[in-house]
C-alpha atoms as a PDB file:
ATOM      1  CA  MET A   1     104.851  91.070 154.162  1.00  0.00           C
ATOM      2  CA  LYS A   2     106.702  91.563 151.093  1.00  0.00           C
ATOM      3  CA  ASN A   3     103.835  93.716 149.900  1.00  0.00           C
ATOM      4  CA  PHE A   4     104.398  96.086 153.059  1.00  0.00           C
ATOM      5  CA  LYS A   5     107.714  96.175 152.496  1.00  0.00           C
ATOM      6  CA  GLN A   6     107.116  97.276 149.087  1.00  0.00           C
ATOM      7  CA  ARG A   7     104.893  99.940 150.229  1.00  0.00           C
ATOM      8  CA  LEU A   8     106.859 101.156 152.602  1.00  0.00           C
ATOM      9  CA  THR A   9     109.698 101.712 150.093  1.00  0.00           C
ATOM     10  CA  ASN A  10     107.960 103.534 147.310  1.00  0.00           C
ATOM     11  CA  ALA A  11     106.403 105.353 150.382  1.00  0.00           C
ATOM     12  CA  ALA A  12     110.035 106.330 151.430  1.00  0.00           C
ATOM     13  CA  TYR A  13     110.947 107.637 147.814  1.00  0.00           C
ATOM     14  CA  ALA A  14     107.937 109.640 147.462  1.00  0.00           C
ATOM     15  CA  SER A  15     107.795 111.352 150.502  1.00  0.00           C
ATOM     16  CA  PRO A  16     110.841 113.664 149.698  1.00  0.00           C
ATOM     17  CA  LEU A  17     109.597 114.478 146.270  1.00  0.00           C
ATOM     18  CA  VAL A  18     106.266 115.328 147.840  1.00  0.00           C
ATOM     19  CA  LEU A  19     107.748 117.711 150.418  1.00  0.00           C
ATOM     20  CA  PHE A  20     109.820 119.479 147.669  1.00  0.00           C
ATOM     21  CA  ALA A  21     107.037 120.294 145.109  1.00  0.00           C
ATOM     22  CA  ALA A  22     105.337 122.399 147.283  1.00  0.00           C
ATOM     23  CA  SER A  23     108.469 124.637 147.835  1.00  0.00           C
ATOM     24  CA  ALA A  24     109.440 124.507 144.202  1.00  0.00           C
ATOM     25  CA  ARG A  25     105.843 126.667 143.211  1.00  0.00           C
ATOM     26  CA  ALA A  26     106.881 130.247 141.370  1.00  0.00           C
ATOM     27  CA  ASP A  27     104.668 132.687 140.757  1.00  0.00           C
ATOM     28  CA  LEU A  28     105.009 133.750 136.962  1.00  0.00           C
ATOM     29  CA  PRO A  29     104.506 136.660 135.184  1.00  0.00           C
ATOM     30  CA  GLU A  30     100.618 138.130 134.085  1.00  0.00           C
ATOM     31  CA  ASP A  31     101.600 137.759 130.541  1.00  0.00           C
ATOM     32  CA  VAL A  32     103.140 134.433 130.931  1.00  0.00           C
ATOM     33  CA  THR A  33      99.927 133.321 132.608  1.00  0.00           C
ATOM     34  CA  THR A  34      98.066 134.899 130.271  1.00  0.00           C
ATOM     35  CA  ALA A  35      99.702 133.331 127.416  1.00  0.00           C
ATOM     36  CA  ILE A  36      99.055 129.665 129.004  1.00  0.00           C
ATOM     37  CA  THR A  37      95.236 130.520 129.668  1.00  0.00           C
ATOM     38  CA  ALA A  38      94.691 131.819 125.959  1.00  0.00           C
ATOM     39  CA  ALA A  39      96.828 128.631 124.356  1.00  0.00           C
ATOM     40  CA  LYS A  40      94.181 126.113 126.406  1.00  0.00           C
ATOM     41  CA  ALA A  41      91.767 126.465 123.569  1.00  0.00           C
ATOM     42  CA  ASP A  42      94.103 125.824 121.130  1.00  0.00           C
ATOM     43  CA  ILE A  43      95.567 122.697 122.729  1.00  0.00           C
ATOM     44  CA  ALA A  44      92.170 121.635 123.521  1.00  0.00           C
ATOM     45  CA  ALA A  45      91.189 121.982 119.585  1.00  0.00           C
ATOM     46  CA  ALA A  46      94.203 120.385 118.413  1.00  0.00           C
ATOM     47  CA  GLY A  47      93.684 117.236 121.178  1.00  0.00           C
ATOM     48  CA  ALA A  48      90.416 116.685 120.029  1.00  0.00           C
ATOM     49  CA  LEU A  49      91.348 116.484 116.218  1.00  0.00           C
ATOM     50  CA  VAL A  50      93.742 113.967 117.413  1.00  0.00           C
ATOM     51  CA  ILE A  51      91.446 111.973 119.452  1.00  0.00           C
ATOM     52  CA  THR A  52      89.070 112.136 116.686  1.00  0.00           C
ATOM     53  CA  ILE A  53      91.493 111.175 113.885  1.00  0.00           C
ATOM     54  CA  VAL A  54      92.597 107.766 116.286  1.00  0.00           C
ATOM     55  CA  VAL A  55      88.868 106.990 116.679  1.00  0.00           C
ATOM     56  CA  GLY A  56      88.214 107.113 113.280  1.00  0.00           C
ATOM     57  CA  ILE A  57      90.838 104.867 112.331  1.00  0.00           C
ATOM     58  CA  LYS A  58      90.232 102.337 114.448  1.00  0.00           C
ATOM     59  CA  VAL A  59      86.146 102.529 113.617  1.00  0.00           C
ATOM     60  CA  TRP A  60      87.363 102.196 109.841  1.00  0.00           C
ATOM     61  CA  LYS A  61      89.177  99.125 110.695  1.00  0.00           C
ATOM     62  CA  TRP A  62      86.510  97.603 112.430  1.00  0.00           C
ATOM     63  CA  ILE A  63      84.162  98.465 109.838  1.00  0.00           C
ATOM     64  CA  THR A  64      86.273  97.002 107.250  1.00  0.00           C
ATOM     65  CA  ARG A  65      86.935  93.962 109.379  1.00  0.00           C
ATOM     66  CA  VAL A  66      83.278  93.104 109.202  1.00  0.00           C
ATOM     67  CA  PHE A  67      82.577  93.470 105.675  1.00  0.00           C
END
């Protein structure tokens, strides 16, 4: 019963947020949309670089621990 009450409370808090999220959508100017689209490739490259560095550090630690 406690779990049901907790879920009901969570749903009560989340429902107004969902209702207002749809009405908060606004159209952006086309130059902003174009700039965001162009930046996706740069952001993806930076994210891939960060992930590669983190994985490389983790693998290096595993290798040094084994030997």
